[in-house]
Amino acid sequence: VARAEARREASAQNIDFVMQLTTDPDLNR
């Protein structure tokens, strides 16, 4: 369960980072 939660959290952080780059035009630029 701890491993699955860590994978989920790492994946969520990765998605958040990519989405921030995707949705913020200035940062994307």
mmCIF file of all heavy atoms, coordinates in Angstrom:
data_MODEL
# 
_entry.id   MODEL 
# 
loop_
_atom_site.group_PDB 
_atom_site.id 
_atom_site.type_symbol 
_atom_site.label_atom_id 
_atom_site.label_alt_id 
_atom_site.label_comp_id 
_atom_site.label_asym_id 
_atom_site.label_entity_id 
_atom_site.label_seq_id 
_atom_site.pdbx_PDB_ins_code 
_atom_site.Cartn_x 
_atom_site.Cartn_y 
_atom_site.Cartn_z 
_atom_site.occupancy 
_atom_site.B_iso_or_equiv 
_atom_site.pdbx_formal_charge 
_atom_site.auth_seq_id 
_atom_site.auth_comp_id 
_atom_site.auth_asym_id 
_atom_site.auth_atom_id 
_atom_site.pdbx_PDB_model_num 
ATOM 1   N N   . VAL A 1 1  ? 0.841  -1.205 0.000   1.00 0.00 ? 1  VAL A N   1 
ATOM 2   C CA  . VAL A 1 1  ? 0.000  0.000  0.000   1.00 0.00 ? 1  VAL A CA  1 
ATOM 3   C C   . VAL A 1 1  ? 0.874  1.252  0.000   1.00 0.00 ? 1  VAL A C   1 
ATOM 4   O O   . VAL A 1 1  ? 0.614  2.207  -0.727  1.00 0.00 ? 1  VAL A O   1 
ATOM 5   C CB  . VAL A 1 1  ? -0.971 -0.016 1.207   1.00 0.00 ? 1  VAL A CB  1 
ATOM 6   C CG1 . VAL A 1 1  ? -1.649 1.333  1.390   1.00 0.00 ? 1  VAL A CG1 1 
ATOM 7   C CG2 . VAL A 1 1  ? -2.001 -1.119 1.046   1.00 0.00 ? 1  VAL A CG2 1 
ATOM 8   N N   . ALA A 1 2  ? 1.938  1.248  0.801   1.00 0.00 ? 2  ALA A N   1 
ATOM 9   C CA  . ALA A 1 2  ? 2.847  2.400  0.861   1.00 0.00 ? 2  ALA A CA  1 
ATOM 10  C C   . ALA A 1 2  ? 3.524  2.624  -0.491  1.00 0.00 ? 2  ALA A C   1 
ATOM 11  O O   . ALA A 1 2  ? 3.651  3.768  -0.943  1.00 0.00 ? 2  ALA A O   1 
ATOM 12  C CB  . ALA A 1 2  ? 3.894  2.199  1.947   1.00 0.00 ? 2  ALA A CB  1 
ATOM 13  N N   . ARG A 1 3  ? 3.938  1.555  -1.143  1.00 0.00 ? 3  ARG A N   1 
ATOM 14  C CA  . ARG A 1 3  ? 4.562  1.690  -2.469  1.00 0.00 ? 3  ARG A CA  1 
ATOM 15  C C   . ARG A 1 3  ? 3.561  2.247  -3.486  1.00 0.00 ? 3  ARG A C   1 
ATOM 16  O O   . ARG A 1 3  ? 3.901  3.125  -4.271  1.00 0.00 ? 3  ARG A O   1 
ATOM 17  C CB  . ARG A 1 3  ? 5.099  0.345  -2.940  1.00 0.00 ? 3  ARG A CB  1 
ATOM 18  C CG  . ARG A 1 3  ? 6.383  -0.042 -2.297  1.00 0.00 ? 3  ARG A CG  1 
ATOM 19  C CD  . ARG A 1 3  ? 6.985  -1.291 -2.969  1.00 0.00 ? 3  ARG A CD  1 
ATOM 20  N NE  . ARG A 1 3  ? 8.075  -1.786 -2.181  1.00 0.00 ? 3  ARG A NE  1 
ATOM 21  C CZ  . ARG A 1 3  ? 7.974  -2.733 -1.256  1.00 0.00 ? 3  ARG A CZ  1 
ATOM 22  N NH1 . ARG A 1 3  ? 6.819  -3.315 -1.024  1.00 0.00 ? 3  ARG A NH1 1 
ATOM 23  N NH2 . ARG A 1 3  ? 9.025  -3.102 -0.565  1.00 0.00 ? 3  ARG A NH2 1 
ATOM 24  N N   . ALA A 1 4  ? 2.367  1.732  -3.459  1.00 0.00 ? 4  ALA A N   1 
ATOM 25  C CA  . ALA A 1 4  ? 1.350  2.217  -4.393  1.00 0.00 ? 4  ALA A CA  1 
ATOM 26  C C   . ALA A 1 4  ? 1.044  3.690  -4.141  1.00 0.00 ? 4  ALA A C   1 
ATOM 27  O O   . ALA A 1 4  ? 0.900  4.476  -5.080  1.00 0.00 ? 4  ALA A O   1 
ATOM 28  C CB  . ALA A 1 4  ? 0.071  1.379  -4.266  1.00 0.00 ? 4  ALA A CB  1 
ATOM 29  N N   . GLU A 1 5  ? 0.972  4.083  -2.884  1.00 0.00 ? 5  GLU A N   1 
ATOM 30  C CA  . GLU A 1 5  ? 0.711  5.490  -2.546  1.00 0.00 ? 5  GLU A CA  1 
ATOM 31  C C   . GLU A 1 5  ? 1.874  6.374  -2.998  1.00 0.00 ? 5  GLU A C   1 
ATOM 32  O O   . GLU A 1 5  ? 1.657  7.476  -3.508  1.00 0.00 ? 5  GLU A O   1 
ATOM 33  C CB  . GLU A 1 5  ? 0.473  5.637  -1.039  1.00 0.00 ? 5  GLU A CB  1 
ATOM 34  C CG  . GLU A 1 5  ? 0.194  7.050  -0.593  1.00 0.00 ? 5  GLU A CG  1 
ATOM 35  C CD  . GLU A 1 5  ? -1.021 7.693  -1.241  1.00 0.00 ? 5  GLU A CD  1 
ATOM 36  O OE1 . GLU A 1 5  ? -1.947 6.974  -1.648  1.00 0.00 ? 5  GLU A OE1 1 
ATOM 37  O OE2 . GLU A 1 5  ? -1.032 8.932  -1.354  1.00 0.00 ? 5  GLU A OE2 1 
ATOM 38  N N   . ALA A 1 6  ? 3.095  5.899  -2.826  1.00 0.00 ? 6  ALA A N   1 
ATOM 39  C CA  . ALA A 1 6  ? 4.262  6.679  -3.268  1.00 0.00 ? 6  ALA A CA  1 
ATOM 40  C C   . ALA A 1 6  ? 4.261  6.838  -4.781  1.00 0.00 ? 6  ALA A C   1 
ATOM 41  O O   . ALA A 1 6  ? 4.556  7.922  -5.299  1.00 0.00 ? 6  ALA A O   1 
ATOM 42  C CB  . ALA A 1 6  ? 5.549  6.019  -2.798  1.00 0.00 ? 6  ALA A CB  1 
ATOM 43  N N   . ARG A 1 7  ? 3.934  5.773  -5.505  1.00 0.00 ? 7  ARG A N   1 
ATOM 44  C CA  . ARG A 1 7  ? 3.850  5.871  -6.981  1.00 0.00 ? 7  ARG A CA  1 
ATOM 45  C C   . ARG A 1 7  ? 2.756  6.843  -7.386  1.00 0.00 ? 7  ARG A C   1 
ATOM 46  O O   . ARG A 1 7  ? 2.937  7.656  -8.293  1.00 0.00 ? 7  ARG A O   1 
ATOM 47  C CB  . ARG A 1 7  ? 3.598  4.490  -7.586  1.00 0.00 ? 7  ARG A CB  1 
ATOM 48  C CG  . ARG A 1 7  ? 4.823  3.623  -7.667  1.00 0.00 ? 7  ARG A CG  1 
ATOM 49  C CD  . ARG A 1 7  ? 4.594  2.381  -8.513  1.00 0.00 ? 7  ARG A CD  1 
ATOM 50  N NE  . ARG A 1 7  ? 3.568  1.506  -7.992  1.00 0.00 ? 7  ARG A NE  1 
ATOM 51  C CZ  . ARG A 1 7  ? 3.760  0.567  -7.079  1.00 0.00 ? 7  ARG A CZ  1 
ATOM 52  N NH1 . ARG A 1 7  ? 4.945  0.360  -6.577  1.00 0.00 ? 7  ARG A NH1 1 
ATOM 53  N NH2 . ARG A 1 7  ? 2.764  -0.172 -6.669  1.00 0.00 ? 7  ARG A NH2 1 
ATOM 54  N N   . ARG A 1 8  ? 1.630  6.774  -6.710  1.00 0.00 ? 8  ARG A N   1 
ATOM 55  C CA  . ARG A 1 8  ? 0.527  7.678  -7.032  1.00 0.00 ? 8  ARG A CA  1 
ATOM 56  C C   . ARG A 1 8  ? 0.930  9.128  -6.770  1.00 0.00 ? 8  ARG A C   1 
ATOM 57  O O   . ARG A 1 8  ? 0.683  10.012 -7.575  1.00 0.00 ? 8  ARG A O   1 
ATOM 58  C CB  . ARG A 1 8  ? -0.721 7.320  -6.212  1.00 0.00 ? 8  ARG A CB  1 
ATOM 59  C CG  . ARG A 1 8  ? -1.956 8.115  -6.646  1.00 0.00 ? 8  ARG A CG  1 
ATOM 60  C CD  . ARG A 1 8  ? -3.015 8.169  -5.556  1.00 0.00 ? 8  ARG A CD  1 
ATOM 61  N NE  . ARG A 1 8  ? -2.602 8.879  -4.379  1.00 0.00 ? 8  ARG A NE  1 
ATOM 62  C CZ  . ARG A 1 8  ? -2.437 10.224 -4.291  1.00 0.00 ? 8  ARG A CZ  1 
ATOM 63  N NH1 . ARG A 1 8  ? -2.635 10.979 -5.322  1.00 0.00 ? 8  ARG A NH1 1 
ATOM 64  N NH2 . ARG A 1 8  ? -2.087 10.791 -3.155  1.00 0.00 ? 8  ARG A NH2 1 
ATOM 65  N N   . GLU A 1 9  ? 1.579  9.375  -5.644  1.00 0.00 ? 9  GLU A N   1 
ATOM 66  C CA  . GLU A 1 9  ? 1.985  10.731 -5.284  1.00 0.00 ? 9  GLU A CA  1 
ATOM 67  C C   . GLU A 1 9  ? 3.041  11.265 -6.251  1.00 0.00 ? 9  GLU A C   1 
ATOM 68  O O   . GLU A 1 9  ? 2.972  12.414 -6.689  1.00 0.00 ? 9  GLU A O   1 
ATOM 69  C CB  . GLU A 1 9  ? 2.519  10.766 -3.853  1.00 0.00 ? 9  GLU A CB  1 
ATOM 70  C CG  . GLU A 1 9  ? 2.954  12.141 -3.387  1.00 0.00 ? 9  GLU A CG  1 
ATOM 71  C CD  . GLU A 1 9  ? 1.845  13.176 -3.378  1.00 0.00 ? 9  GLU A CD  1 
ATOM 72  O OE1 . GLU A 1 9  ? 0.666  12.808 -3.187  1.00 0.00 ? 9  GLU A OE1 1 
ATOM 73  O OE2 . GLU A 1 9  ? 2.156  14.363 -3.586  1.00 0.00 ? 9  GLU A OE2 1 
ATOM 74  N N   . ALA A 1 10 ? 4.013  10.431 -6.608  1.00 0.00 ? 10 ALA A N   1 
ATOM 75  C CA  . ALA A 1 10 ? 5.040  10.855 -7.562  1.00 0.00 ? 10 ALA A CA  1 
ATOM 76  C C   . ALA A 1 10 ? 4.418  11.150 -8.916  1.00 0.00 ? 10 ALA A C   1 
ATOM 77  O O   . ALA A 1 10 ? 4.765  12.132 -9.584  1.00 0.00 ? 10 ALA A O   1 
ATOM 78  C CB  . ALA A 1 10 ? 6.131  9.789  -7.689  1.00 0.00 ? 10 ALA A CB  1 
ATOM 79  N N   . SER A 1 11 ? 3.483  10.319 -9.317  1.00 0.00 ? 11 SER A N   1 
ATOM 80  C CA  . SER A 1 11 ? 2.794  10.541 -10.588 1.00 0.00 ? 11 SER A CA  1 
ATOM 81  C C   . SER A 1 11 ? 1.971  11.826 -10.539 1.00 0.00 ? 11 SER A C   1 
ATOM 82  O O   . SER A 1 11 ? 1.969  12.613 -11.493 1.00 0.00 ? 11 SER A O   1 
ATOM 83  C CB  . SER A 1 11 ? 1.885  9.348  -10.893 1.00 0.00 ? 11 SER A CB  1 
ATOM 84  O OG  . SER A 1 11 ? 1.203  9.551  -12.102 1.00 0.00 ? 11 SER A OG  1 
ATOM 85  N N   . ALA A 1 12 ? 1.297  12.068 -9.429  1.00 0.00 ? 12 ALA A N   1 
ATOM 86  C CA  . ALA A 1 12 ? 0.497  13.295 -9.297  1.00 0.00 ? 12 ALA A CA  1 
ATOM 87  C C   . ALA A 1 12 ? 1.390  14.535 -9.348  1.00 0.00 ? 12 ALA A C   1 
ATOM 88  O O   . ALA A 1 12 ? 1.031  15.528 -9.981  1.00 0.00 ? 12 ALA A O   1 
ATOM 89  C CB  . ALA A 1 12 ? -0.300 13.265 -7.987  1.00 0.00 ? 12 ALA A CB  1 
ATOM 90  N N   . GLN A 1 13 ? 2.554  14.469 -8.713  1.00 0.00 ? 13 GLN A N   1 
ATOM 91  C CA  . GLN A 1 13 ? 3.479  15.605 -8.767  1.00 0.00 ? 13 GLN A CA  1 
ATOM 92  C C   . GLN A 1 13 ? 3.971  15.837 -10.188 1.00 0.00 ? 13 GLN A C   1 
ATOM 93  O O   . GLN A 1 13 ? 4.094  16.981 -10.629 1.00 0.00 ? 13 GLN A O   1 
ATOM 94  C CB  . GLN A 1 13 ? 4.668  15.371 -7.834  1.00 0.00 ? 13 GLN A CB  1 
ATOM 95  C CG  . GLN A 1 13 ? 4.324  15.475 -6.383  1.00 0.00 ? 13 GLN A CG  1 
ATOM 96  C CD  . GLN A 1 13 ? 5.507  15.157 -5.491  1.00 0.00 ? 13 GLN A CD  1 
ATOM 97  O OE1 . GLN A 1 13 ? 6.608  14.897 -5.954  1.00 0.00 ? 13 GLN A OE1 1 
ATOM 98  N NE2 . GLN A 1 13 ? 5.273  15.173 -4.192  1.00 0.00 ? 13 GLN A NE2 1 
ATOM 99  N N   . ASN A 1 14 ? 4.242  14.763 -10.901 1.00 0.00 ? 14 ASN A N   1 
ATOM 100 C CA  . ASN A 1 14 ? 4.679  14.870 -12.287 1.00 0.00 ? 14 ASN A CA  1 
ATOM 101 C C   . ASN A 1 14 ? 3.586  15.489 -13.146 1.00 0.00 ? 14 ASN A C   1 
ATOM 102 O O   . ASN A 1 14 ? 3.847  16.397 -13.953 1.00 0.00 ? 14 ASN A O   1 
ATOM 103 C CB  . ASN A 1 14 ? 5.072  13.492 -12.809 1.00 0.00 ? 14 ASN A CB  1 
ATOM 104 C CG  . ASN A 1 14 ? 6.040  13.561 -13.951 1.00 0.00 ? 14 ASN A CG  1 
ATOM 105 O OD1 . ASN A 1 14 ? 6.912  14.426 -13.988 1.00 0.00 ? 14 ASN A OD1 1 
ATOM 106 N ND2 . ASN A 1 14 ? 5.903  12.656 -14.887 1.00 0.00 ? 14 ASN A ND2 1 
ATOM 107 N N   . ILE A 1 15 ? 2.378  15.026 -12.972 1.00 0.00 ? 15 ILE A N   1 
ATOM 108 C CA  . ILE A 1 15 ? 1.253  15.558 -13.745 1.00 0.00 ? 15 ILE A CA  1 
ATOM 109 C C   . ILE A 1 15 ? 1.032  17.029 -13.407 1.00 0.00 ? 15 ILE A C   1 
ATOM 110 O O   . ILE A 1 15 ? 0.833  17.853 -14.305 1.00 0.00 ? 15 ILE A O   1 
ATOM 111 C CB  . ILE A 1 15 ? -0.023 14.721 -13.481 1.00 0.00 ? 15 ILE A CB  1 
ATOM 112 C CG1 . ILE A 1 15 ? 0.135  13.344 -14.121 1.00 0.00 ? 15 ILE A CG1 1 
ATOM 113 C CG2 . ILE A 1 15 ? -1.268 15.442 -14.008 1.00 0.00 ? 15 ILE A CG2 1 
ATOM 114 C CD1 . ILE A 1 15 ? -0.908 12.335 -13.674 1.00 0.00 ? 15 ILE A CD1 1 
ATOM 115 N N   . ASP A 1 16 ? 1.092  17.387 -12.136 1.00 0.00 ? 16 ASP A N   1 
ATOM 116 C CA  . ASP A 1 16 ? 0.930  18.794 -11.732 1.00 0.00 ? 16 ASP A CA  1 
ATOM 117 C C   . ASP A 1 16 ? 1.987  19.678 -12.380 1.00 0.00 ? 16 ASP A C   1 
ATOM 118 O O   . ASP A 1 16 ? 1.685  20.774 -12.863 1.00 0.00 ? 16 ASP A O   1 
ATOM 119 C CB  . ASP A 1 16 ? 1.008  18.951 -10.213 1.00 0.00 ? 16 ASP A CB  1 
ATOM 120 C CG  . ASP A 1 16 ? -0.212 18.403 -9.498  1.00 0.00 ? 16 ASP A CG  1 
ATOM 121 O OD1 . ASP A 1 16 ? -1.232 18.146 -10.164 1.00 0.00 ? 16 ASP A OD1 1 
ATOM 122 O OD2 . ASP A 1 16 ? -0.131 18.232 -8.263  1.00 0.00 ? 16 ASP A OD2 1 
ATOM 123 N N   . PHE A 1 17 ? 3.222  19.193 -12.400 1.00 0.00 ? 17 PHE A N   1 
ATOM 124 C CA  . PHE A 1 17 ? 4.317  19.965 -12.990 1.00 0.00 ? 17 PHE A CA  1 
ATOM 125 C C   . PHE A 1 17 ? 4.078  20.179 -14.486 1.00 0.00 ? 17 PHE A C   1 
ATOM 126 O O   . PHE A 1 17 ? 4.177  21.295 -14.995 1.00 0.00 ? 17 PHE A O   1 
ATOM 127 C CB  . PHE A 1 17 ? 5.644  19.240 -12.746 1.00 0.00 ? 17 PHE A CB  1 
ATOM 128 C CG  . PHE A 1 17 ? 6.849  20.029 -13.146 1.00 0.00 ? 17 PHE A CG  1 
ATOM 129 C CD1 . PHE A 1 17 ? 7.325  21.048 -12.337 1.00 0.00 ? 17 PHE A CD1 1 
ATOM 130 C CD2 . PHE A 1 17 ? 7.516  19.755 -14.325 1.00 0.00 ? 17 PHE A CD2 1 
ATOM 131 C CE1 . PHE A 1 17 ? 8.442  21.782 -12.692 1.00 0.00 ? 17 PHE A CE1 1 
ATOM 132 C CE2 . PHE A 1 17 ? 8.629  20.483 -14.694 1.00 0.00 ? 17 PHE A CE2 1 
ATOM 133 C CZ  . PHE A 1 17 ? 9.100  21.497 -13.882 1.00 0.00 ? 17 PHE A CZ  1 
ATOM 134 N N   . VAL A 1 18 ? 3.731  19.110 -15.179 1.00 0.00 ? 18 VAL A N   1 
ATOM 135 C CA  . VAL A 1 18 ? 3.484  19.197 -16.621 1.00 0.00 ? 18 VAL A CA  1 
ATOM 136 C C   . VAL A 1 18 ? 2.258  20.053 -16.899 1.00 0.00 ? 18 VAL A C   1 
ATOM 137 O O   . VAL A 1 18 ? 2.262  20.879 -17.832 1.00 0.00 ? 18 VAL A O   1 
ATOM 138 C CB  . VAL A 1 18 ? 3.341  17.786 -17.234 1.00 0.00 ? 18 VAL A CB  1 
ATOM 139 C CG1 . VAL A 1 18 ? 2.871  17.850 -18.671 1.00 0.00 ? 18 VAL A CG1 1 
ATOM 140 C CG2 . VAL A 1 18 ? 4.668  17.045 -17.146 1.00 0.00 ? 18 VAL A CG2 1 
ATOM 141 N N   . MET A 1 19 ? 1.216  19.912 -16.105 1.00 0.00 ? 19 MET A N   1 
ATOM 142 C CA  . MET A 1 19 ? 0.009  20.717 -16.329 1.00 0.00 ? 19 MET A CA  1 
ATOM 143 C C   . MET A 1 19 ? 0.276  22.200 -16.074 1.00 0.00 ? 19 MET A C   1 
ATOM 144 O O   . MET A 1 19 ? -0.271 23.057 -16.767 1.00 0.00 ? 19 MET A O   1 
ATOM 145 C CB  . MET A 1 19 ? -1.135 20.222 -15.443 1.00 0.00 ? 19 MET A CB  1 
ATOM 146 C CG  . MET A 1 19 ? -1.702 18.887 -15.905 1.00 0.00 ? 19 MET A CG  1 
ATOM 147 S SD  . MET A 1 19 ? -2.201 18.866 -17.646 1.00 0.00 ? 19 MET A SD  1 
ATOM 148 C CE  . MET A 1 19 ? -3.553 20.021 -17.627 1.00 0.00 ? 19 MET A CE  1 
ATOM 149 N N   . GLN A 1 20 ? 1.129  22.496 -15.111 1.00 0.00 ? 20 GLN A N   1 
ATOM 150 C CA  . GLN A 1 20 ? 1.472  23.891 -14.870 1.00 0.00 ? 20 GLN A CA  1 
ATOM 151 C C   . GLN A 1 20 ? 2.161  24.479 -16.099 1.00 0.00 ? 20 GLN A C   1 
ATOM 152 O O   . GLN A 1 20 ? 1.855  25.599 -16.518 1.00 0.00 ? 20 GLN A O   1 
ATOM 153 C CB  . GLN A 1 20 ? 2.372  24.020 -13.645 1.00 0.00 ? 20 GLN A CB  1 
ATOM 154 C CG  . GLN A 1 20 ? 2.686  25.453 -13.301 1.00 0.00 ? 20 GLN A CG  1 
ATOM 155 C CD  . GLN A 1 20 ? 3.583  25.580 -12.084 1.00 0.00 ? 20 GLN A CD  1 
ATOM 156 O OE1 . GLN A 1 20 ? 4.142  24.603 -11.609 1.00 0.00 ? 20 GLN A OE1 1 
ATOM 157 N NE2 . GLN A 1 20 ? 3.715  26.786 -11.590 1.00 0.00 ? 20 GLN A NE2 1 
ATOM 158 N N   . LEU A 1 21 ? 3.065  23.711 -16.685 1.00 0.00 ? 21 LEU A N   1 
ATOM 159 C CA  . LEU A 1 21 ? 3.733  24.178 -17.912 1.00 0.00 ? 21 LEU A CA  1 
ATOM 160 C C   . LEU A 1 21 ? 2.746  24.304 -19.063 1.00 0.00 ? 21 LEU A C   1 
ATOM 161 O O   . LEU A 1 21 ? 2.854  25.211 -19.885 1.00 0.00 ? 21 LEU A O   1 
ATOM 162 C CB  . LEU A 1 21 ? 4.858  23.222 -18.306 1.00 0.00 ? 21 LEU A CB  1 
ATOM 163 C CG  . LEU A 1 21 ? 6.051  23.149 -17.372 1.00 0.00 ? 21 LEU A CG  1 
ATOM 164 C CD1 . LEU A 1 21 ? 7.024  22.076 -17.834 1.00 0.00 ? 21 LEU A CD1 1 
ATOM 165 C CD2 . LEU A 1 21 ? 6.743  24.487 -17.260 1.00 0.00 ? 21 LEU A CD2 1 
ATOM 166 N N   . THR A 1 22 ? 1.789  23.417 -19.111 1.00 0.00 ? 22 THR A N   1 
ATOM 167 C CA  . THR A 1 22 ? 0.826  23.395 -20.203 1.00 0.00 ? 22 THR A CA  1 
ATOM 168 C C   . THR A 1 22 ? -0.199 24.516 -20.097 1.00 0.00 ? 22 THR A C   1 
ATOM 169 O O   . THR A 1 22 ? -0.580 25.113 -21.099 1.00 0.00 ? 22 THR A O   1 
ATOM 170 C CB  . THR A 1 22 ? 0.090  22.035 -20.226 1.00 0.00 ? 22 THR A CB  1 
ATOM 171 O OG1 . THR A 1 22 ? 1.070  21.007 -20.335 1.00 0.00 ? 22 THR A OG1 1 
ATOM 172 C CG2 . THR A 1 22 ? -0.881 21.936 -21.368 1.00 0.00 ? 22 THR A CG2 1 
ATOM 173 N N   . THR A 1 23 ? -0.646 24.807 -18.898 1.00 0.00 ? 23 THR A N   1 
ATOM 174 C CA  . THR A 1 23 ? -1.744 25.759 -18.736 1.00 0.00 ? 23 THR A CA  1 
ATOM 175 C C   . THR A 1 23 ? -1.293 27.199 -18.486 1.00 0.00 ? 23 THR A C   1 
ATOM 176 O O   . THR A 1 23 ? -2.109 28.110 -18.566 1.00 0.00 ? 23 THR A O   1 
ATOM 177 C CB  . THR A 1 23 ? -2.668 25.328 -17.575 1.00 0.00 ? 23 THR A CB  1 
ATOM 178 O OG1 . THR A 1 23 ? -1.897 25.242 -16.374 1.00 0.00 ? 23 THR A OG1 1 
ATOM 179 C CG2 . THR A 1 23 ? -3.324 23.987 -17.893 1.00 0.00 ? 23 THR A CG2 1 
ATOM 180 N N   . ASP A 1 24 ? -0.024 27.406 -18.196 1.00 0.00 ? 24 ASP A N   1 
ATOM 181 C CA  . ASP A 1 24 ? 0.490  28.756 -17.959 1.00 0.00 ? 24 ASP A CA  1 
ATOM 182 C C   . ASP A 1 24 ? 1.255  29.209 -19.201 1.00 0.00 ? 24 ASP A C   1 
ATOM 183 O O   . ASP A 1 24 ? 2.394  28.788 -19.419 1.00 0.00 ? 24 ASP A O   1 
ATOM 184 C CB  . ASP A 1 24 ? 1.404  28.749 -16.734 1.00 0.00 ? 24 ASP A CB  1 
ATOM 185 C CG  . ASP A 1 24 ? 1.926  30.135 -16.378 1.00 0.00 ? 24 ASP A CG  1 
ATOM 186 O OD1 . ASP A 1 24 ? 2.018  31.000 -17.267 1.00 0.00 ? 24 ASP A OD1 1 
ATOM 187 O OD2 . ASP A 1 24 ? 2.256  30.335 -15.196 1.00 0.00 ? 24 ASP A OD2 1 
ATOM 188 N N   . PRO A 1 25 ? 0.652  30.042 -20.036 1.00 0.00 ? 25 PRO A N   1 
ATOM 189 C CA  . PRO A 1 25 ? 1.294  30.419 -21.304 1.00 0.00 ? 25 PRO A CA  1 
ATOM 190 C C   . PRO A 1 25 ? 2.662  31.078 -21.114 1.00 0.00 ? 25 PRO A C   1 
ATOM 191 O O   . PRO A 1 25 ? 3.586  30.827 -21.896 1.00 0.00 ? 25 PRO A O   1 
ATOM 192 C CB  . PRO A 1 25 ? 0.313  31.389 -21.950 1.00 0.00 ? 25 PRO A CB  1 
ATOM 193 C CG  . PRO A 1 25 ? -0.946 31.296 -21.191 1.00 0.00 ? 25 PRO A CG  1 
ATOM 194 C CD  . PRO A 1 25 ? -0.643 30.672 -19.864 1.00 0.00 ? 25 PRO A CD  1 
ATOM 195 N N   . ASP A 1 26 ? 2.810  31.903 -20.094 1.00 0.00 ? 26 ASP A N   1 
ATOM 196 C CA  . ASP A 1 26 ? 4.096  32.559 -19.878 1.00 0.00 ? 26 ASP A CA  1 
ATOM 197 C C   . ASP A 1 26 ? 5.180  31.551 -19.479 1.00 0.00 ? 26 ASP A C   1 
ATOM 198 O O   . ASP A 1 26 ? 6.304  31.602 -19.982 1.00 0.00 ? 26 ASP A O   1 
ATOM 199 C CB  . ASP A 1 26 ? 3.982  33.654 -18.817 1.00 0.00 ? 26 ASP A CB  1 
ATOM 200 C CG  . ASP A 1 26 ? 3.157  34.840 -19.291 1.00 0.00 ? 26 ASP A CG  1 
ATOM 201 O OD1 . ASP A 1 26 ? 3.151  35.097 -20.515 1.00 0.00 ? 26 ASP A OD1 1 
ATOM 202 O OD2 . ASP A 1 26 ? 2.515  35.483 -18.445 1.00 0.00 ? 26 ASP A OD2 1 
ATOM 203 N N   . LEU A 1 27 ? 4.843  30.667 -18.586 1.00 0.00 ? 27 LEU A N   1 
ATOM 204 C CA  . LEU A 1 27 ? 5.814  29.656 -18.173 1.00 0.00 ? 27 LEU A CA  1 
ATOM 205 C C   . LEU A 1 27 ? 6.117  28.707 -19.337 1.00 0.00 ? 27 LEU A C   1 
ATOM 206 O O   . LEU A 1 27 ? 7.276  28.329 -19.555 1.00 0.00 ? 27 LEU A O   1 
ATOM 207 C CB  . LEU A 1 27 ? 5.298  28.878 -16.964 1.00 0.00 ? 27 LEU A CB  1 
ATOM 208 C CG  . LEU A 1 27 ? 6.290  27.949 -16.280 1.00 0.00 ? 27 LEU A CG  1 
ATOM 209 C CD1 . LEU A 1 27 ? 7.549  28.704 -15.842 1.00 0.00 ? 27 LEU A CD1 1 
ATOM 210 C CD2 . LEU A 1 27 ? 5.633  27.275 -15.088 1.00 0.00 ? 27 LEU A CD2 1 
ATOM 211 N N   . ASN A 1 28 ? 5.110  28.352 -20.089 1.00 0.00 ? 28 ASN A N   1 
ATOM 212 C CA  . ASN A 1 28 ? 5.304  27.501 -21.260 1.00 0.00 ? 28 ASN A CA  1 
ATOM 213 C C   . ASN A 1 28 ? 6.247  28.173 -22.255 1.00 0.00 ? 28 ASN A C   1 
ATOM 214 O O   . ASN A 1 28 ? 7.138  27.548 -22.812 1.00 0.00 ? 28 ASN A O   1 
ATOM 215 C CB  . ASN A 1 28 ? 3.959  27.179 -21.916 1.00 0.00 ? 28 ASN A CB  1 
ATOM 216 C CG  . ASN A 1 28 ? 4.115  26.172 -23.027 1.00 0.00 ? 28 ASN A CG  1 
ATOM 217 O OD1 . ASN A 1 28 ? 4.776  25.155 -22.876 1.00 0.00 ? 28 ASN A OD1 1 
ATOM 218 N ND2 . ASN A 1 28 ? 3.515  26.469 -24.155 1.00 0.00 ? 28 ASN A ND2 1 
ATOM 219 N N   . ARG A 1 29 ? 6.052  29.464 -22.469 1.00 0.00 ? 29 ARG A N   1 
ATOM 220 C CA  . ARG A 1 29 ? 6.931  30.223 -23.374 1.00 0.00 ? 29 ARG A CA  1 
ATOM 221 C C   . ARG A 1 29 ? 8.373  30.158 -22.885 1.00 0.00 ? 29 ARG A C   1 
ATOM 222 O O   . ARG A 1 29 ? 9.304  29.932 -23.668 1.00 0.00 ? 29 ARG A O   1 
ATOM 223 C CB  . ARG A 1 29 ? 6.454  31.679 -23.453 1.00 0.00 ? 29 ARG A CB  1 
ATOM 224 C CG  . ARG A 1 29 ? 7.368  32.607 -24.231 1.00 0.00 ? 29 ARG A CG  1 
ATOM 225 C CD  . ARG A 1 29 ? 6.876  34.061 -24.189 1.00 0.00 ? 29 ARG A CD  1 
ATOM 226 N NE  . ARG A 1 29 ? 6.581  34.555 -22.852 1.00 0.00 ? 29 ARG A NE  1 
ATOM 227 C CZ  . ARG A 1 29 ? 7.507  34.986 -21.973 1.00 0.00 ? 29 ARG A CZ  1 
ATOM 228 N NH1 . ARG A 1 29 ? 8.776  34.973 -22.281 1.00 0.00 ? 29 ARG A NH1 1 
ATOM 229 N NH2 . ARG A 1 29 ? 7.134  35.432 -20.779 1.00 0.00 ? 29 ARG A NH2 1 
# 
